[in-house]
């Protein structure tokens, strides 16, 4: 198996991981409007709010990619699609299970959603570094 060694300094790798985590926090929690948060959870009429929310993630990834490796601008499109799929998947499970906020399974679902987003961020950084 080929090694994934790369001449990228650890400080660069750490900076990219922190940038992606900060982007996720700022867009998923600070910058997400009520219209996006409530709209993407609806049974009908969810596509536009979800696209707007996932689009913000794509733009954040675009900014990071363009600063580090402009030729990988298309990772923004990948992030847009993957983020949207993760969020929609979580919503479908939430609608089907109807866990109350007092049920630990509700928080397991929220945690799994965030876990998938962070794994996505790590994968995006790996793609940026391996370029």
N, C-alpha and C. Protein backbone atom coordinates (compact mmCIF):
# COMPACT_ATOMS: atom_id res chain seq x y z
N UNK A 1 0.85 -1.18 0.00
CA UNK A 1 0.00 0.00 0.00
C UNK A 1 0.89 1.24 0.00
N UNK A 2 0.55 2.18 -0.83
CA UNK A 2 1.35 3.40 -0.95
C UNK A 2 1.14 4.28 0.27
N UNK A 3 2.22 4.84 0.77
CA UNK A 3 2.13 5.76 1.91
C UNK A 3 1.50 7.07 1.47
N UNK A 4 0.79 7.70 2.40
CA UNK A 4 0.16 8.99 2.12
C UNK A 4 1.01 10.15 2.63
N UNK A 5 2.32 9.90 2.76
CA UNK A 5 3.20 10.96 3.23
C UNK A 5 3.18 12.13 2.24
N UNK A 6 3.22 13.31 2.81
CA UNK A 6 3.21 14.52 1.98
C UNK A 6 4.13 15.54 2.62
N UNK A 7 4.75 16.39 1.82
CA UNK A 7 5.67 17.38 2.37
C UNK A 7 4.97 18.57 3.05
N UNK A 8 3.70 18.47 3.30
CA UNK A 8 2.97 19.57 3.94
C UNK A 8 3.32 19.62 5.42
N UNK A 9 3.73 20.77 5.91
CA UNK A 9 4.06 20.89 7.34
C UNK A 9 2.84 20.62 8.22
N UNK A 10 3.10 20.08 9.39
CA UNK A 10 2.03 19.81 10.34
C UNK A 10 1.26 21.09 10.67
N UNK A 11 1.95 22.21 10.72
CA UNK A 11 1.28 23.48 11.03
C UNK A 11 0.26 23.84 9.95
N UNK A 12 0.56 23.54 8.70
CA UNK A 12 -0.39 23.79 7.60
C UNK A 12 -1.59 22.88 7.72
N UNK A 13 -1.33 21.60 7.99
CA UNK A 13 -2.42 20.65 8.17
C UNK A 13 -3.32 21.08 9.32
N UNK A 14 -2.72 21.47 10.44
CA UNK A 14 -3.49 21.92 11.60
C UNK A 14 -4.29 23.17 11.26
N UNK A 15 -3.68 24.12 10.56
CA UNK A 15 -4.38 25.35 10.19
C UNK A 15 -5.59 25.06 9.30
N UNK A 16 -5.44 24.14 8.35
CA UNK A 16 -6.55 23.78 7.48
C UNK A 16 -7.68 23.09 8.26
N UNK A 17 -7.31 22.19 9.17
CA UNK A 17 -8.33 21.51 9.98
C UNK A 17 -9.07 22.51 10.88
N UNK A 18 -8.34 23.43 11.47
CA UNK A 18 -8.97 24.45 12.32
C UNK A 18 -9.84 25.36 11.48
N UNK A 19 -9.38 25.74 10.31
CA UNK A 19 -10.18 26.60 9.43
C UNK A 19 -11.49 25.91 9.05
N UNK A 20 -11.43 24.63 8.71
CA UNK A 20 -12.65 23.90 8.34
C UNK A 20 -13.59 23.74 9.54
N UNK A 21 -13.04 23.46 10.72
CA UNK A 21 -13.88 23.34 11.91
C UNK A 21 -14.52 24.67 12.26
N UNK A 22 -13.75 25.75 12.15
CA UNK A 22 -14.30 27.09 12.43
C UNK A 22 -15.37 27.46 11.42
N UNK A 23 -15.12 27.15 10.15
CA UNK A 23 -16.12 27.39 9.10
C UNK A 23 -17.41 26.67 9.43
N UNK A 24 -17.28 25.43 9.85
CA UNK A 24 -18.47 24.63 10.18
C UNK A 24 -19.24 25.25 11.35
N UNK A 25 -18.52 25.60 12.40
CA UNK A 25 -19.18 26.20 13.57
C UNK A 25 -19.87 27.50 13.19
N UNK A 26 -19.15 28.37 12.51
CA UNK A 26 -19.72 29.69 12.17
C UNK A 26 -20.94 29.58 11.26
N UNK A 27 -20.92 28.66 10.32
CA UNK A 27 -22.05 28.55 9.39
C UNK A 27 -23.17 27.70 9.98
N UNK A 28 -22.85 26.60 10.65
CA UNK A 28 -23.89 25.72 11.17
C UNK A 28 -24.61 26.30 12.38
N UNK A 29 -23.92 27.10 13.18
CA UNK A 29 -24.52 27.58 14.42
C UNK A 29 -24.70 29.09 14.46
N UNK A 30 -23.67 29.85 14.15
CA UNK A 30 -23.76 31.30 14.26
C UNK A 30 -24.49 31.90 13.06
N UNK A 31 -24.16 31.47 11.86
CA UNK A 31 -24.69 32.10 10.66
C UNK A 31 -25.96 31.50 10.09
N UNK A 32 -26.41 30.40 10.65
CA UNK A 32 -27.63 29.77 10.13
C UNK A 32 -28.85 30.55 10.60
N UNK A 33 -29.63 31.03 9.66
CA UNK A 33 -30.82 31.80 10.01
C UNK A 33 -31.94 30.88 10.48
N UNK A 34 -32.92 31.47 11.14
CA UNK A 34 -34.09 30.70 11.57
C UNK A 34 -34.80 30.10 10.37
N UNK A 35 -34.87 30.87 9.27
CA UNK A 35 -35.51 30.37 8.05
C UNK A 35 -34.82 29.10 7.55
N UNK A 36 -33.49 29.08 7.59
CA UNK A 36 -32.75 27.89 7.17
C UNK A 36 -32.96 26.75 8.14
N UNK A 37 -32.76 27.03 9.42
CA UNK A 37 -32.82 25.98 10.44
C UNK A 37 -34.19 25.31 10.49
N UNK A 38 -35.24 26.10 10.49
CA UNK A 38 -36.59 25.52 10.55
C UNK A 38 -37.03 25.00 9.19
N UNK A 39 -36.68 25.73 8.14
CA UNK A 39 -37.11 25.37 6.80
C UNK A 39 -36.57 24.04 6.32
N UNK A 40 -35.30 23.77 6.59
CA UNK A 40 -34.70 22.53 6.09
C UNK A 40 -35.23 21.31 6.83
N UNK A 41 -35.91 21.52 7.95
CA UNK A 41 -36.48 20.42 8.74
C UNK A 41 -37.91 20.09 8.34
N UNK A 42 -38.50 20.90 7.46
CA UNK A 42 -39.90 20.68 7.09
C UNK A 42 -40.06 19.42 6.24
N UNK A 43 -41.31 18.93 6.23
CA UNK A 43 -41.65 17.78 5.39
C UNK A 43 -41.73 18.22 3.93
N UNK A 44 -42.28 19.40 3.69
CA UNK A 44 -42.39 19.96 2.34
C UNK A 44 -41.77 21.35 2.35
N UNK A 45 -41.26 21.78 1.22
CA UNK A 45 -40.68 23.11 1.13
C UNK A 45 -39.32 23.23 1.80
N UNK A 46 -38.61 22.13 1.92
CA UNK A 46 -37.33 22.11 2.61
C UNK A 46 -36.15 22.38 1.69
N UNK A 47 -36.32 22.20 0.39
CA UNK A 47 -35.18 22.22 -0.53
C UNK A 47 -34.46 23.57 -0.58
N UNK A 48 -35.20 24.65 -0.66
CA UNK A 48 -34.55 25.97 -0.77
C UNK A 48 -33.80 26.35 0.51
N UNK A 49 -34.41 26.21 1.69
CA UNK A 49 -33.64 26.52 2.91
C UNK A 49 -32.41 25.61 3.07
N UNK A 50 -32.56 24.34 2.72
CA UNK A 50 -31.42 23.42 2.81
C UNK A 50 -30.33 23.81 1.81
N UNK A 51 -30.73 24.16 0.60
CA UNK A 51 -29.75 24.57 -0.42
C UNK A 51 -29.02 25.84 0.01
N UNK A 52 -29.75 26.77 0.61
CA UNK A 52 -29.11 28.01 1.08
C UNK A 52 -28.09 27.70 2.18
N UNK A 53 -28.48 26.83 3.11
CA UNK A 53 -27.59 26.46 4.21
C UNK A 53 -26.36 25.71 3.68
N UNK A 54 -26.58 24.70 2.86
CA UNK A 54 -25.47 23.93 2.31
C UNK A 54 -24.61 24.80 1.39
N UNK A 55 -25.26 25.76 0.71
CA UNK A 55 -24.53 26.68 -0.14
C UNK A 55 -23.56 27.55 0.64
N UNK A 56 -23.97 27.96 1.84
CA UNK A 56 -23.05 28.72 2.70
C UNK A 56 -21.82 27.88 3.05
N UNK A 57 -22.05 26.60 3.32
CA UNK A 57 -20.91 25.71 3.60
C UNK A 57 -20.01 25.60 2.37
N UNK A 58 -20.62 25.47 1.21
CA UNK A 58 -19.84 25.42 -0.02
C UNK A 58 -19.00 26.68 -0.21
N UNK A 59 -19.59 27.84 0.07
CA UNK A 59 -18.85 29.10 -0.07
C UNK A 59 -17.70 29.18 0.93
N UNK A 60 -17.93 28.69 2.15
CA UNK A 60 -16.85 28.68 3.14
C UNK A 60 -15.70 27.78 2.69
N UNK A 61 -16.04 26.62 2.16
CA UNK A 61 -15.02 25.71 1.66
C UNK A 61 -14.32 26.32 0.45
N UNK A 62 -15.07 27.01 -0.39
CA UNK A 62 -14.46 27.68 -1.55
C UNK A 62 -13.41 28.69 -1.09
N UNK A 63 -13.73 29.47 -0.07
CA UNK A 63 -12.78 30.47 0.43
C UNK A 63 -11.49 29.80 0.91
N UNK A 64 -11.64 28.71 1.65
CA UNK A 64 -10.46 28.01 2.17
C UNK A 64 -9.66 27.38 1.02
N UNK A 65 -10.35 26.74 0.10
CA UNK A 65 -9.67 26.08 -1.03
C UNK A 65 -8.94 27.10 -1.90
N UNK A 66 -9.58 28.22 -2.19
CA UNK A 66 -8.97 29.23 -3.06
C UNK A 66 -7.73 29.83 -2.40
N UNK A 67 -7.76 29.98 -1.09
CA UNK A 67 -6.60 30.51 -0.39
C UNK A 67 -5.44 29.51 -0.36
N UNK A 68 -5.76 28.23 -0.26
CA UNK A 68 -4.70 27.23 -0.12
C UNK A 68 -4.30 26.60 -1.45
N UNK A 69 -5.28 26.15 -2.21
CA UNK A 69 -5.01 25.48 -3.48
C UNK A 69 -6.15 25.78 -4.46
N UNK A 70 -6.06 26.90 -5.18
CA UNK A 70 -7.16 27.37 -6.04
C UNK A 70 -7.68 26.34 -7.05
N UNK A 71 -6.81 25.45 -7.50
CA UNK A 71 -7.26 24.46 -8.49
C UNK A 71 -8.29 23.48 -7.92
N UNK A 72 -8.41 23.44 -6.61
CA UNK A 72 -9.37 22.54 -5.97
C UNK A 72 -10.64 23.27 -5.54
N UNK A 73 -10.99 24.33 -6.25
CA UNK A 73 -12.21 25.09 -5.98
C UNK A 73 -13.44 24.20 -5.98
N UNK A 74 -13.41 23.14 -6.77
CA UNK A 74 -14.56 22.25 -6.92
C UNK A 74 -14.90 21.49 -5.63
N UNK A 75 -13.99 21.49 -4.67
CA UNK A 75 -14.31 20.88 -3.37
C UNK A 75 -15.49 21.58 -2.72
N UNK A 76 -15.70 22.85 -3.08
CA UNK A 76 -16.86 23.59 -2.58
C UNK A 76 -18.16 22.93 -3.03
N UNK A 77 -18.20 22.48 -4.26
CA UNK A 77 -19.39 21.79 -4.77
C UNK A 77 -19.60 20.46 -4.05
N UNK A 78 -18.50 19.76 -3.81
CA UNK A 78 -18.57 18.50 -3.07
C UNK A 78 -19.11 18.74 -1.67
N UNK A 79 -18.62 19.76 -1.00
CA UNK A 79 -19.08 20.07 0.35
C UNK A 79 -20.56 20.45 0.34
N UNK A 80 -20.97 21.22 -0.64
CA UNK A 80 -22.38 21.60 -0.79
C UNK A 80 -23.27 20.35 -0.85
N UNK A 81 -22.91 19.41 -1.70
CA UNK A 81 -23.71 18.20 -1.87
C UNK A 81 -23.68 17.33 -0.62
N UNK A 82 -22.49 17.06 -0.09
CA UNK A 82 -22.37 16.18 1.06
C UNK A 82 -23.06 16.78 2.28
N UNK A 83 -22.87 18.08 2.52
CA UNK A 83 -23.51 18.71 3.67
C UNK A 83 -25.03 18.61 3.56
N UNK A 84 -25.54 18.88 2.37
CA UNK A 84 -26.98 18.78 2.17
C UNK A 84 -27.50 17.38 2.40
N UNK A 85 -26.78 16.37 1.92
CA UNK A 85 -27.21 14.98 2.11
C UNK A 85 -27.19 14.58 3.58
N UNK A 86 -26.16 14.98 4.29
CA UNK A 86 -26.09 14.66 5.72
C UNK A 86 -27.25 15.31 6.47
N UNK A 87 -27.48 16.59 6.22
CA UNK A 87 -28.56 17.29 6.93
C UNK A 87 -29.92 16.72 6.57
N UNK A 88 -30.14 16.41 5.31
CA UNK A 88 -31.44 15.85 4.92
C UNK A 88 -31.62 14.46 5.51
N UNK A 89 -30.56 13.67 5.52
CA UNK A 89 -30.63 12.34 6.14
C UNK A 89 -30.99 12.42 7.61
N UNK A 90 -30.36 13.36 8.32
CA UNK A 90 -30.68 13.54 9.74
C UNK A 90 -32.14 13.91 9.91
N UNK A 91 -32.63 14.80 9.07
CA UNK A 91 -34.03 15.23 9.16
C UNK A 91 -34.98 14.07 8.91
N UNK A 92 -34.70 13.25 7.92
CA UNK A 92 -35.57 12.11 7.63
C UNK A 92 -35.61 11.14 8.80
N UNK A 93 -34.45 10.88 9.41
CA UNK A 93 -34.41 10.00 10.59
C UNK A 93 -35.18 10.65 11.73
N UNK A 94 -35.00 11.95 11.94
CA UNK A 94 -35.70 12.65 13.02
C UNK A 94 -37.21 12.61 12.82
N UNK A 95 -37.67 12.78 11.59
CA UNK A 95 -39.11 12.71 11.32
C UNK A 95 -39.65 11.31 11.57
N UNK A 96 -38.87 10.32 11.23
CA UNK A 96 -39.34 8.93 11.39
C UNK A 96 -39.34 8.50 12.85
N UNK A 97 -38.34 8.91 13.61
CA UNK A 97 -38.21 8.44 14.99
C UNK A 97 -38.93 9.33 16.00
N UNK A 98 -39.00 10.64 15.71
CA UNK A 98 -39.65 11.61 16.59
C UNK A 98 -39.12 11.55 18.04
N UNK A 99 -37.82 11.44 18.17
CA UNK A 99 -37.22 11.45 19.50
C UNK A 99 -37.45 12.80 20.15
N UNK A 100 -37.85 12.80 21.41
CA UNK A 100 -37.97 14.04 22.18
C UNK A 100 -36.57 14.51 22.58
N UNK A 101 -36.43 15.81 22.82
CA UNK A 101 -35.12 16.35 23.22
C UNK A 101 -34.64 15.75 24.54
N UNK A 102 -35.55 15.19 25.32
CA UNK A 102 -35.18 14.56 26.59
C UNK A 102 -34.72 13.11 26.39
N UNK A 103 -34.88 12.58 25.20
CA UNK A 103 -34.47 11.21 24.88
C UNK A 103 -33.01 11.23 24.45
N UNK A 104 -32.16 10.44 25.10
CA UNK A 104 -30.75 10.43 24.71
C UNK A 104 -30.53 10.15 23.23
N UNK A 105 -31.44 9.40 22.60
CA UNK A 105 -31.28 9.09 21.18
C UNK A 105 -31.38 10.34 20.30
N UNK A 106 -32.12 11.34 20.75
CA UNK A 106 -32.17 12.61 20.03
C UNK A 106 -30.76 13.20 19.94
N UNK A 107 -30.07 13.20 21.07
CA UNK A 107 -28.72 13.78 21.12
C UNK A 107 -27.71 12.90 20.41
N UNK A 108 -27.95 11.57 20.41
CA UNK A 108 -27.08 10.69 19.63
C UNK A 108 -27.19 11.03 18.15
N UNK A 109 -28.42 11.29 17.70
CA UNK A 109 -28.64 11.66 16.30
C UNK A 109 -27.95 12.98 15.97
N UNK A 110 -28.11 13.97 16.85
CA UNK A 110 -27.45 15.26 16.63
C UNK A 110 -25.93 15.09 16.62
N UNK A 111 -25.42 14.31 17.54
CA UNK A 111 -23.98 14.06 17.61
C UNK A 111 -23.46 13.34 16.38
N UNK A 112 -24.24 12.37 15.89
CA UNK A 112 -23.83 11.63 14.69
C UNK A 112 -23.80 12.55 13.48
N UNK A 113 -24.77 13.45 13.39
CA UNK A 113 -24.80 14.46 12.33
C UNK A 113 -23.52 15.29 12.36
N UNK A 114 -23.14 15.76 13.53
CA UNK A 114 -21.94 16.58 13.66
C UNK A 114 -20.67 15.76 13.39
N UNK A 115 -20.68 14.50 13.82
CA UNK A 115 -19.56 13.60 13.53
C UNK A 115 -19.36 13.46 12.02
N UNK A 116 -20.45 13.23 11.29
CA UNK A 116 -20.36 13.09 9.83
C UNK A 116 -19.83 14.37 9.18
N UNK A 117 -20.25 15.52 9.70
CA UNK A 117 -19.76 16.78 9.15
C UNK A 117 -18.26 16.94 9.39
N UNK A 118 -17.79 16.55 10.57
CA UNK A 118 -16.36 16.68 10.86
C UNK A 118 -15.54 15.69 10.05
N UNK A 119 -16.06 14.48 9.85
CA UNK A 119 -15.37 13.52 8.98
C UNK A 119 -15.27 14.09 7.56
N UNK A 120 -16.34 14.73 7.11
CA UNK A 120 -16.33 15.38 5.80
C UNK A 120 -15.24 16.45 5.76
N UNK A 121 -15.15 17.26 6.80
CA UNK A 121 -14.14 18.32 6.85
C UNK A 121 -12.73 17.74 6.81
N UNK A 122 -12.51 16.65 7.53
CA UNK A 122 -11.20 16.00 7.52
C UNK A 122 -10.88 15.48 6.12
N UNK A 123 -11.87 14.86 5.48
CA UNK A 123 -11.67 14.35 4.12
C UNK A 123 -11.36 15.49 3.14
N UNK A 124 -12.05 16.61 3.30
CA UNK A 124 -11.78 17.76 2.43
C UNK A 124 -10.36 18.28 2.63
N UNK A 125 -9.91 18.31 3.87
CA UNK A 125 -8.53 18.76 4.14
C UNK A 125 -7.53 17.77 3.54
N UNK A 126 -7.80 16.48 3.66
CA UNK A 126 -6.90 15.49 3.05
C UNK A 126 -6.82 15.72 1.54
N UNK A 127 -7.97 15.96 0.91
CA UNK A 127 -7.97 16.24 -0.53
C UNK A 127 -7.20 17.52 -0.85
N UNK A 128 -7.34 18.53 -0.01
CA UNK A 128 -6.59 19.78 -0.23
C UNK A 128 -5.09 19.54 -0.13
N UNK A 129 -4.69 18.77 0.86
CA UNK A 129 -3.26 18.53 1.09
C UNK A 129 -2.66 17.64 0.01
N UNK A 130 -3.40 16.61 -0.37
CA UNK A 130 -2.87 15.69 -1.39
C UNK A 130 -2.98 16.27 -2.79
N UNK A 131 -3.93 17.21 -2.95
CA UNK A 131 -4.15 17.98 -4.15
C UNK A 131 -4.06 17.27 -5.44
